[in-house]
Amino acid sequence: MRATPKISLKPTHPPVQAPAREETPTAPPIALPEPREPAAPVPVTQAQLQQAWAEYAESIRQQKSFAYQTLTQFAPVLKADQVIELPLANLTIQTDLLKDVQPALLAHLRRRLQTNFQIMPVAAPAEAESQKKQLYTPSDKFNFLAEKNPLLKDLKQMLNLDLGF
């Protein structure tokens, strides 16, 4: 019979000692400023809000045209407690577009107006949409433009134009 080797758990090498650490000088602790109470919000007017809002909307006009359209379609309304109500024609779709630009918009408003705001999307009033008369026929379009510029009627008569109506 063959003898089986015995296994020993004793270390075969002497233990290695870690080198002694040298004392490193430590920097004195940094004195942190006392926490301040949050400053009272700066009063903001509706005109100031609309101006800052328009500035931000213009800054994203080229890169995010759909978000620009959402921000400029209706004027934001400043409510109490730094809440901004933003009327939206299509609440579900435009809320998603607003979520993409909301952090940057709020940062811009905070920087410009020194106040933290919260944006609250609301459904646009129905009368705002119904006030826009749809112009379907060429005569409706001409009459609408002639209201803005009465000289168009004179021009039409001078040139004896028939606009297809």
N, C-alpha and C. Protein backbone atom coordinates (compact mmCIF):
# COMPACT_ATOMS: atom_id res chain seq x y z
N MET A 1 0.82 -1.18 0.00
CA MET A 1 0.00 0.00 0.00
C MET A 1 0.85 1.24 0.00
N ARG A 2 0.30 2.11 -0.63
CA ARG A 2 1.01 3.34 -0.77
C ARG A 2 0.61 4.32 0.33
N ALA A 3 1.56 5.09 0.76
CA ALA A 3 1.28 6.04 1.84
C ALA A 3 0.75 7.33 1.23
N THR A 4 -0.29 7.87 1.79
CA THR A 4 -0.85 9.13 1.30
C THR A 4 -0.12 10.28 1.97
N PRO A 5 0.18 11.30 1.20
CA PRO A 5 0.89 12.42 1.80
C PRO A 5 -0.01 13.16 2.78
N LYS A 6 0.62 13.64 3.81
CA LYS A 6 -0.13 14.40 4.80
C LYS A 6 -0.09 15.87 4.42
N ILE A 7 -1.20 16.51 4.64
CA ILE A 7 -1.30 17.94 4.34
C ILE A 7 -1.22 18.69 5.64
N SER A 8 -0.35 19.70 5.63
CA SER A 8 -0.15 20.50 6.83
C SER A 8 -0.70 21.89 6.58
N LEU A 9 -1.35 22.47 7.57
CA LEU A 9 -1.90 23.81 7.47
C LEU A 9 -0.94 24.85 8.04
N LYS A 10 0.23 24.43 8.45
CA LYS A 10 1.21 25.36 8.98
C LYS A 10 1.82 26.14 7.83
N PRO A 11 2.06 27.45 8.04
CA PRO A 11 2.67 28.24 6.97
C PRO A 11 4.09 27.77 6.69
N THR A 12 4.45 27.75 5.43
CA THR A 12 5.78 27.33 5.06
C THR A 12 6.76 28.48 5.06
N HIS A 13 6.25 29.71 4.95
CA HIS A 13 7.10 30.89 4.95
C HIS A 13 6.78 31.72 6.18
N PRO A 14 7.78 32.46 6.66
CA PRO A 14 7.50 33.33 7.81
C PRO A 14 6.58 34.48 7.38
N PRO A 15 5.73 34.97 8.25
CA PRO A 15 4.81 36.05 7.88
C PRO A 15 5.57 37.32 7.52
N VAL A 16 5.02 38.07 6.56
CA VAL A 16 5.64 39.30 6.10
C VAL A 16 5.08 40.45 6.93
N GLN A 17 5.98 41.26 7.45
CA GLN A 17 5.56 42.41 8.24
C GLN A 17 5.34 43.60 7.31
N ALA A 18 4.26 44.35 7.55
CA ALA A 18 3.97 45.55 6.76
C ALA A 18 4.96 46.63 7.16
N PRO A 19 5.41 47.44 6.19
CA PRO A 19 6.37 48.49 6.55
C PRO A 19 5.70 49.49 7.49
N ALA A 20 6.49 50.03 8.35
CA ALA A 20 5.97 51.01 9.31
C ALA A 20 5.55 52.27 8.59
N ARG A 21 4.41 52.80 8.96
CA ARG A 21 3.89 54.01 8.31
C ARG A 21 4.52 55.23 8.95
N GLU A 22 4.80 56.17 8.06
CA GLU A 22 5.30 57.43 8.57
C GLU A 22 4.10 58.33 8.81
N GLU A 23 4.19 59.12 9.83
CA GLU A 23 3.11 60.05 10.14
C GLU A 23 3.07 61.15 9.08
N THR A 24 1.93 61.32 8.45
CA THR A 24 1.78 62.40 7.48
C THR A 24 1.02 63.53 8.15
N PRO A 25 1.46 64.75 7.89
CA PRO A 25 0.75 65.86 8.53
C PRO A 25 -0.65 65.98 7.93
N THR A 26 -1.61 66.23 8.76
CA THR A 26 -2.99 66.38 8.29
C THR A 26 -3.34 67.86 8.27
N ALA A 27 -4.17 68.20 7.31
CA ALA A 27 -4.61 69.59 7.20
C ALA A 27 -5.62 69.88 8.30
N PRO A 28 -5.63 71.12 8.77
CA PRO A 28 -6.62 71.44 9.79
C PRO A 28 -8.02 71.34 9.19
N PRO A 29 -9.00 70.99 9.97
CA PRO A 29 -10.35 70.86 9.42
C PRO A 29 -10.85 72.20 8.87
N ILE A 30 -11.60 72.11 7.80
CA ILE A 30 -12.13 73.30 7.16
C ILE A 30 -13.40 73.72 7.88
N ALA A 31 -13.46 74.98 8.22
CA ALA A 31 -14.65 75.49 8.90
C ALA A 31 -15.74 75.74 7.86
N LEU A 32 -16.85 75.05 8.00
CA LEU A 32 -17.96 75.22 7.08
C LEU A 32 -18.82 76.39 7.53
N PRO A 33 -19.36 77.15 6.59
CA PRO A 33 -20.21 78.27 7.00
C PRO A 33 -21.49 77.75 7.65
N GLU A 34 -22.01 78.55 8.52
CA GLU A 34 -23.25 78.18 9.19
C GLU A 34 -24.36 78.12 8.16
N PRO A 35 -25.20 77.09 8.23
CA PRO A 35 -26.30 77.04 7.26
C PRO A 35 -27.23 78.23 7.44
N ARG A 36 -27.56 78.84 6.30
CA ARG A 36 -28.45 80.00 6.34
C ARG A 36 -29.87 79.54 6.11
N GLU A 37 -30.77 80.33 6.62
CA GLU A 37 -32.17 80.07 6.34
C GLU A 37 -32.42 80.46 4.89
N PRO A 38 -33.30 79.73 4.21
CA PRO A 38 -33.56 80.10 2.82
C PRO A 38 -34.08 81.52 2.73
N ALA A 39 -33.57 82.23 1.74
CA ALA A 39 -33.97 83.62 1.56
C ALA A 39 -35.43 83.67 1.11
N ALA A 40 -36.08 84.72 1.49
CA ALA A 40 -37.46 84.89 1.07
C ALA A 40 -37.49 85.09 -0.44
N PRO A 41 -38.48 84.53 -1.12
CA PRO A 41 -38.54 84.70 -2.57
C PRO A 41 -38.70 86.16 -2.95
N VAL A 42 -38.05 86.52 -4.02
CA VAL A 42 -38.13 87.89 -4.52
C VAL A 42 -39.48 88.04 -5.22
N PRO A 43 -40.23 89.11 -4.94
CA PRO A 43 -41.51 89.28 -5.63
C PRO A 43 -41.29 89.48 -7.13
N VAL A 44 -42.08 88.77 -7.91
CA VAL A 44 -41.94 88.80 -9.37
C VAL A 44 -43.28 89.23 -9.96
N THR A 45 -43.21 90.08 -10.97
CA THR A 45 -44.43 90.52 -11.64
C THR A 45 -44.70 89.63 -12.85
N GLN A 46 -45.92 89.72 -13.34
CA GLN A 46 -46.31 88.96 -14.53
C GLN A 46 -45.46 89.38 -15.73
N ALA A 47 -45.17 90.68 -15.85
CA ALA A 47 -44.37 91.18 -16.97
C ALA A 47 -42.94 90.63 -16.92
N GLN A 48 -42.35 90.59 -15.73
CA GLN A 48 -40.99 90.05 -15.60
C GLN A 48 -40.97 88.57 -15.97
N LEU A 49 -41.98 87.83 -15.53
CA LEU A 49 -42.07 86.41 -15.86
C LEU A 49 -42.19 86.22 -17.37
N GLN A 50 -43.05 86.98 -18.00
CA GLN A 50 -43.24 86.82 -19.44
C GLN A 50 -41.98 87.18 -20.22
N GLN A 51 -41.25 88.17 -19.76
CA GLN A 51 -40.01 88.54 -20.44
C GLN A 51 -38.96 87.44 -20.32
N ALA A 52 -38.77 86.91 -19.12
CA ALA A 52 -37.80 85.83 -18.92
C ALA A 52 -38.24 84.58 -19.68
N TRP A 53 -39.53 84.32 -19.70
CA TRP A 53 -40.09 83.16 -20.43
C TRP A 53 -39.80 83.29 -21.92
N ALA A 54 -40.03 84.47 -22.46
CA ALA A 54 -39.79 84.70 -23.89
C ALA A 54 -38.30 84.58 -24.23
N GLU A 55 -37.43 85.04 -23.34
CA GLU A 55 -35.99 84.92 -23.57
C GLU A 55 -35.59 83.45 -23.69
N TYR A 56 -36.10 82.62 -22.77
CA TYR A 56 -35.75 81.20 -22.82
C TYR A 56 -36.34 80.55 -24.08
N ALA A 57 -37.57 80.90 -24.40
CA ALA A 57 -38.20 80.31 -25.59
C ALA A 57 -37.39 80.64 -26.85
N GLU A 58 -36.92 81.88 -26.97
CA GLU A 58 -36.10 82.26 -28.12
C GLU A 58 -34.78 81.49 -28.14
N SER A 59 -34.23 81.18 -26.96
CA SER A 59 -32.94 80.48 -26.92
C SER A 59 -33.05 79.05 -27.43
N ILE A 60 -34.25 78.44 -27.36
CA ILE A 60 -34.40 77.06 -27.83
C ILE A 60 -35.14 76.97 -29.16
N ARG A 61 -35.42 78.09 -29.77
CA ARG A 61 -36.23 78.12 -30.99
C ARG A 61 -35.66 77.24 -32.09
N GLN A 62 -34.36 77.29 -32.34
CA GLN A 62 -33.75 76.53 -33.44
C GLN A 62 -33.61 75.04 -33.12
N GLN A 63 -33.21 74.72 -31.87
CA GLN A 63 -32.93 73.32 -31.54
C GLN A 63 -34.20 72.52 -31.24
N LYS A 64 -35.17 73.14 -30.59
CA LYS A 64 -36.36 72.42 -30.15
C LYS A 64 -37.61 73.20 -30.56
N SER A 65 -37.95 73.10 -31.83
CA SER A 65 -39.04 73.93 -32.34
C SER A 65 -40.40 73.55 -31.76
N PHE A 66 -40.63 72.26 -31.50
CA PHE A 66 -41.91 71.86 -30.92
C PHE A 66 -42.06 72.38 -29.49
N ALA A 67 -40.98 72.33 -28.73
CA ALA A 67 -41.02 72.86 -27.37
C ALA A 67 -41.20 74.37 -27.41
N TYR A 68 -40.56 75.03 -28.37
CA TYR A 68 -40.74 76.48 -28.53
C TYR A 68 -42.20 76.80 -28.79
N GLN A 69 -42.83 76.03 -29.66
CA GLN A 69 -44.24 76.25 -29.97
C GLN A 69 -45.11 76.07 -28.73
N THR A 70 -44.79 75.06 -27.93
CA THR A 70 -45.54 74.81 -26.70
C THR A 70 -45.40 75.97 -25.73
N LEU A 71 -44.18 76.50 -25.60
CA LEU A 71 -43.95 77.58 -24.64
C LEU A 71 -44.55 78.91 -25.08
N THR A 72 -44.70 79.11 -26.38
CA THR A 72 -45.18 80.40 -26.86
C THR A 72 -46.63 80.41 -27.31
N GLN A 73 -47.29 79.26 -27.31
CA GLN A 73 -48.67 79.20 -27.79
C GLN A 73 -49.60 80.01 -26.89
N PHE A 74 -49.46 79.89 -25.59
CA PHE A 74 -50.25 80.65 -24.63
C PHE A 74 -49.30 81.29 -23.63
N ALA A 75 -49.71 82.40 -23.07
CA ALA A 75 -48.88 83.11 -22.09
C ALA A 75 -48.95 82.40 -20.74
N PRO A 76 -47.81 82.26 -20.04
CA PRO A 76 -47.84 81.67 -18.70
C PRO A 76 -48.52 82.64 -17.73
N VAL A 77 -49.18 82.09 -16.72
CA VAL A 77 -49.90 82.91 -15.74
C VAL A 77 -49.26 82.69 -14.38
N LEU A 78 -48.81 83.77 -13.76
CA LEU A 78 -48.18 83.70 -12.44
C LEU A 78 -49.26 83.61 -11.38
N LYS A 79 -49.22 82.56 -10.58
CA LYS A 79 -50.17 82.38 -9.48
C LYS A 79 -49.43 82.56 -8.16
N ALA A 80 -50.12 82.42 -7.07
CA ALA A 80 -49.51 82.57 -5.75
C ALA A 80 -48.54 81.41 -5.48
N ASP A 81 -47.63 81.63 -4.53
CA ASP A 81 -46.66 80.62 -4.09
C ASP A 81 -45.75 80.14 -5.21
N GLN A 82 -45.31 81.03 -6.06
CA GLN A 82 -44.35 80.75 -7.13
C GLN A 82 -44.82 79.62 -8.04
N VAL A 83 -46.10 79.57 -8.33
CA VAL A 83 -46.66 78.58 -9.25
C VAL A 83 -46.98 79.28 -10.55
N ILE A 84 -46.53 78.66 -11.64
CA ILE A 84 -46.81 79.19 -12.98
C ILE A 84 -47.78 78.24 -13.65
N GLU A 85 -48.94 78.76 -14.03
CA GLU A 85 -49.89 77.95 -14.80
C GLU A 85 -49.61 78.17 -16.28
N LEU A 86 -49.44 77.07 -16.99
CA LEU A 86 -49.19 77.14 -18.42
C LEU A 86 -50.33 76.46 -19.16
N PRO A 87 -51.20 77.23 -19.82
CA PRO A 87 -52.29 76.61 -20.58
C PRO A 87 -51.72 75.86 -21.79
N LEU A 88 -52.22 74.65 -22.00
CA LEU A 88 -51.78 73.83 -23.12
C LEU A 88 -53.00 73.37 -23.91
N ALA A 89 -52.92 73.43 -25.23
CA ALA A 89 -54.04 73.02 -26.08
C ALA A 89 -54.24 71.51 -26.04
N ASN A 90 -53.14 70.74 -26.06
CA ASN A 90 -53.19 69.29 -25.99
C ASN A 90 -52.39 68.87 -24.77
N LEU A 91 -53.07 68.65 -23.68
CA LEU A 91 -52.41 68.46 -22.39
C LEU A 91 -51.46 67.27 -22.38
N THR A 92 -51.85 66.14 -22.96
CA THR A 92 -51.00 64.95 -22.88
C THR A 92 -49.73 65.07 -23.70
N ILE A 93 -49.85 65.49 -24.94
CA ILE A 93 -48.67 65.57 -25.81
C ILE A 93 -47.75 66.71 -25.40
N GLN A 94 -48.33 67.89 -25.15
CA GLN A 94 -47.50 69.04 -24.83
C GLN A 94 -46.86 68.93 -23.44
N THR A 95 -47.46 68.19 -22.53
CA THR A 95 -46.84 67.97 -21.22
C THR A 95 -45.55 67.18 -21.39
N ASP A 96 -45.56 66.19 -22.29
CA ASP A 96 -44.33 65.43 -22.56
C ASP A 96 -43.25 66.33 -23.15
N LEU A 97 -43.62 67.21 -24.07
CA LEU A 97 -42.65 68.15 -24.64
C LEU A 97 -42.11 69.09 -23.57
N LEU A 98 -42.98 69.49 -22.66
CA LEU A 98 -42.58 70.41 -21.60
C LEU A 98 -41.61 69.74 -20.63
N LYS A 99 -41.78 68.44 -20.39
CA LYS A 99 -40.90 67.72 -19.47
C LYS A 99 -39.45 67.73 -19.96
N ASP A 100 -39.26 67.75 -21.28
CA ASP A 100 -37.90 67.76 -21.83
C ASP A 100 -37.17 69.07 -21.53
N VAL A 101 -37.87 70.18 -21.56
CA VAL A 101 -37.22 71.48 -21.38
C VAL A 101 -37.45 72.09 -20.00
N GLN A 102 -38.28 71.46 -19.18
CA GLN A 102 -38.64 72.06 -17.89
C GLN A 102 -37.46 72.30 -16.96
N PRO A 103 -36.51 71.36 -16.79
CA PRO A 103 -35.38 71.65 -15.89
C PRO A 103 -34.56 72.87 -16.32
N ALA A 104 -34.28 72.96 -17.61
CA ALA A 104 -33.51 74.11 -18.10
C ALA A 104 -34.32 75.40 -18.00
N LEU A 105 -35.61 75.32 -18.26
CA LEU A 105 -36.47 76.50 -18.15
C LEU A 105 -36.52 77.00 -16.71
N LEU A 106 -36.71 76.08 -15.77
CA LEU A 106 -36.76 76.47 -14.35
C LEU A 106 -35.43 77.04 -13.89
N ALA A 107 -34.32 76.48 -14.37
CA ALA A 107 -33.00 77.01 -14.02
C ALA A 107 -32.84 78.43 -14.56
N HIS A 108 -33.30 78.67 -15.80
CA HIS A 108 -33.23 80.01 -16.39
C HIS A 108 -34.07 80.99 -15.58
N LEU A 109 -35.28 80.60 -15.21
CA LEU A 109 -36.14 81.49 -14.43
C LEU A 109 -35.55 81.76 -13.05
N ARG A 110 -34.96 80.72 -12.43
CA ARG A 110 -34.34 80.88 -11.11
C ARG A 110 -33.17 81.84 -11.19
N ARG A 111 -32.36 81.70 -12.23
CA ARG A 111 -31.19 82.56 -12.40
C ARG A 111 -31.61 83.99 -12.73
N ARG A 112 -32.61 84.14 -13.57
CA ARG A 112 -33.02 85.47 -14.03
C ARG A 112 -33.87 86.23 -13.01
N LEU A 113 -34.75 85.50 -12.28
CA LEU A 113 -35.70 86.15 -11.38
C LEU A 113 -35.44 85.89 -9.90
N GLN A 114 -34.41 85.11 -9.58
CA GLN A 114 -34.03 84.77 -8.20
C GLN A 114 -35.19 84.20 -7.39
N THR A 115 -35.99 83.37 -8.01
CA THR A 115 -37.11 82.74 -7.32
C THR A 115 -37.29 81.34 -7.89
N ASN A 116 -37.59 80.38 -7.00
CA ASN A 116 -37.89 79.01 -7.45
C ASN A 116 -39.35 78.94 -7.85
N PHE A 117 -39.60 78.39 -9.01
CA PHE A 117 -40.95 78.28 -9.52
C PHE A 117 -41.32 76.81 -9.69
N GLN A 118 -42.61 76.59 -9.80
CA GLN A 118 -43.16 75.29 -10.14
C GLN A 118 -44.12 75.51 -11.31
N ILE A 119 -43.97 74.71 -12.36
CA ILE A 119 -44.83 74.87 -13.54
C ILE A 119 -45.97 73.87 -13.46
N MET A 120 -47.18 74.38 -13.64
CA MET A 120 -48.37 73.55 -13.57
C MET A 120 -49.10 73.61 -14.91
N PRO A 121 -49.02 72.56 -15.73
CA PRO A 121 -49.74 72.57 -17.00
C PRO A 121 -51.25 72.47 -16.74
N VAL A 122 -52.02 73.27 -17.44
CA VAL A 122 -53.49 73.22 -17.34
C VAL A 122 -54.06 73.21 -18.75
N ALA A 123 -55.27 72.72 -18.87
CA ALA A 123 -55.92 72.70 -20.18
C ALA A 123 -56.25 74.12 -20.59
N ALA A 124 -56.02 74.42 -21.84
CA ALA A 124 -56.30 75.77 -22.37
C ALA A 124 -57.80 76.01 -22.36
N PRO A 125 -58.20 77.24 -22.11
CA PRO A 125 -59.63 77.53 -22.13
C PRO A 125 -60.21 77.29 -23.52
N ALA A 126 -61.40 76.76 -23.57
CA ALA A 126 -62.03 76.41 -24.85
C ALA A 126 -62.35 77.64 -25.68
N GLU A 127 -62.68 78.76 -25.04
CA GLU A 127 -63.03 79.94 -25.82
C GLU A 127 -61.82 80.50 -26.57
N ALA A 128 -60.61 80.25 -26.10
CA ALA A 128 -59.43 80.74 -26.80
C ALA A 128 -59.30 80.05 -28.16
N GLU A 129 -59.64 78.78 -28.21
CA GLU A 129 -59.55 78.05 -29.46
C GLU A 129 -60.71 78.40 -30.39
N SER A 130 -61.90 78.62 -29.80
CA SER A 130 -63.06 78.89 -30.64
C SER A 130 -63.05 80.31 -31.21
N GLN A 131 -62.27 81.22 -30.60
CA GLN A 131 -62.20 82.59 -31.10
C GLN A 131 -61.49 82.66 -32.45
N LYS A 132 -60.60 81.74 -32.70
CA LYS A 132 -59.91 81.73 -33.99
C LYS A 132 -60.88 81.20 -35.05
N LYS A 133 -61.24 82.06 -35.97
CA LYS A 133 -62.14 81.65 -37.03
C LYS A 133 -61.33 80.96 -38.11
N GLN A 134 -61.78 79.79 -38.50
CA GLN A 134 -61.09 79.05 -39.54
C GLN A 134 -61.40 79.68 -40.89
N LEU A 135 -60.39 79.92 -41.67
CA LEU A 135 -60.54 80.53 -42.99
C LEU A 135 -60.42 79.44 -44.05
N TYR A 136 -61.55 79.07 -44.62
CA TYR A 136 -61.55 77.97 -45.58
C TYR A 136 -61.60 78.45 -47.03
N THR A 137 -62.45 79.40 -47.31
CA THR A 137 -62.63 79.82 -48.71
C THR A 137 -61.69 80.97 -49.04
N PRO A 138 -61.41 81.18 -50.33
CA PRO A 138 -60.56 82.31 -50.72
C PRO A 138 -61.16 83.66 -50.32
N SER A 139 -62.49 83.78 -50.36
CA SER A 139 -63.10 85.06 -49.96
C SER A 139 -62.90 85.32 -48.47
N ASP A 140 -63.00 84.27 -47.64
CA ASP A 140 -62.75 84.44 -46.21
C ASP A 140 -61.31 84.88 -45.97
N LYS A 141 -60.39 84.28 -46.68
CA LYS A 141 -58.98 84.63 -46.52
C LYS A 141 -58.72 86.06 -46.95
N PHE A 142 -59.32 86.46 -48.10
CA PHE A 142 -59.13 87.82 -48.58
C PHE A 142 -59.73 88.83 -47.60
N ASN A 143 -60.93 88.57 -47.12
CA ASN A 143 -61.58 89.49 -46.19
C ASN A 143 -60.80 89.62 -44.89
N PHE A 144 -60.24 88.52 -44.43
CA PHE A 144 -59.42 88.55 -43.21
C PHE A 144 -58.19 89.44 -43.42
N LEU A 145 -57.52 89.26 -44.56
CA LEU A 145 -56.33 90.07 -44.84
C LEU A 145 -56.70 91.52 -45.12
N ALA A 146 -57.87 91.75 -45.73
CA ALA A 146 -58.31 93.12 -46.01
C ALA A 146 -58.65 93.87 -44.73
N GLU A 147 -59.08 93.16 -43.69
CA GLU A 147 -59.32 93.80 -42.39
C GLU A 147 -58.01 94.32 -41.82
N LYS A 148 -56.96 93.57 -42.01
CA LYS A 148 -55.65 94.00 -41.51
C LYS A 148 -55.05 95.11 -42.36
N ASN A 149 -55.28 95.03 -43.67
CA ASN A 149 -54.72 96.02 -44.59
C ASN A 149 -55.80 96.44 -45.59
N PRO A 150 -56.49 97.55 -45.31
CA PRO A 150 -57.60 97.97 -46.18
C PRO A 150 -57.18 98.32 -47.61
N LEU A 151 -55.90 98.56 -47.83
CA LEU A 151 -55.46 98.89 -49.18
C LEU A 151 -55.58 97.71 -50.14
N LEU A 152 -55.73 96.51 -49.61
CA LEU A 152 -55.89 95.34 -50.48
C LEU A 152 -57.18 95.43 -51.30
N LYS A 153 -58.23 95.97 -50.69
CA LYS A 153 -59.50 96.11 -51.43
C LYS A 153 -59.31 97.09 -52.59
N ASP A 154 -58.60 98.19 -52.33
CA ASP A 154 -58.34 99.16 -53.41
C ASP A 154 -57.51 98.53 -54.51
N LEU A 155 -56.51 97.76 -54.12
CA LEU A 155 -55.64 97.10 -55.10
C LEU A 155 -56.44 96.10 -55.94
N LYS A 156 -57.32 95.39 -55.31
CA LYS A 156 -58.15 94.42 -56.03
C LYS A 156 -59.03 95.14 -57.07
N GLN A 157 -59.59 96.27 -56.68
CA GLN A 157 -60.44 97.02 -57.60
C GLN A 157 -59.62 97.65 -58.72
N MET A 158 -58.45 98.19 -58.39
CA MET A 158 -57.61 98.83 -59.41
C MET A 158 -57.15 97.83 -60.46
N LEU A 159 -56.80 96.65 -60.06
CA LEU A 159 -56.30 95.64 -60.98
C LEU A 159 -57.41 94.77 -61.54
N ASN A 160 -58.64 95.00 -61.08
CA ASN A 160 -59.79 94.24 -61.54
C ASN A 160 -59.54 92.74 -61.39
N LEU A 161 -59.19 92.34 -60.16
CA LEU A 161 -58.85 90.95 -59.88
C LEU A 161 -60.07 90.14 -59.49
N ASP A 162 -60.10 88.91 -59.95
CA ASP A 162 -61.10 87.95 -59.51
C ASP A 162 -60.32 86.85 -58.80
N LEU A 163 -60.51 86.73 -57.50
CA LEU A 163 -59.71 85.80 -56.73
C LEU A 163 -60.31 84.40 -56.67
N GLY A 164 -61.19 84.10 -57.55
CA GLY A 164 -61.71 82.74 -57.62
C GLY A 164 -62.90 82.52 -56.72
N PHE A 165 -63.65 83.57 -56.48
CA PHE A 165 -64.87 83.36 -55.70
C PHE A 165 -66.05 83.98 -56.34
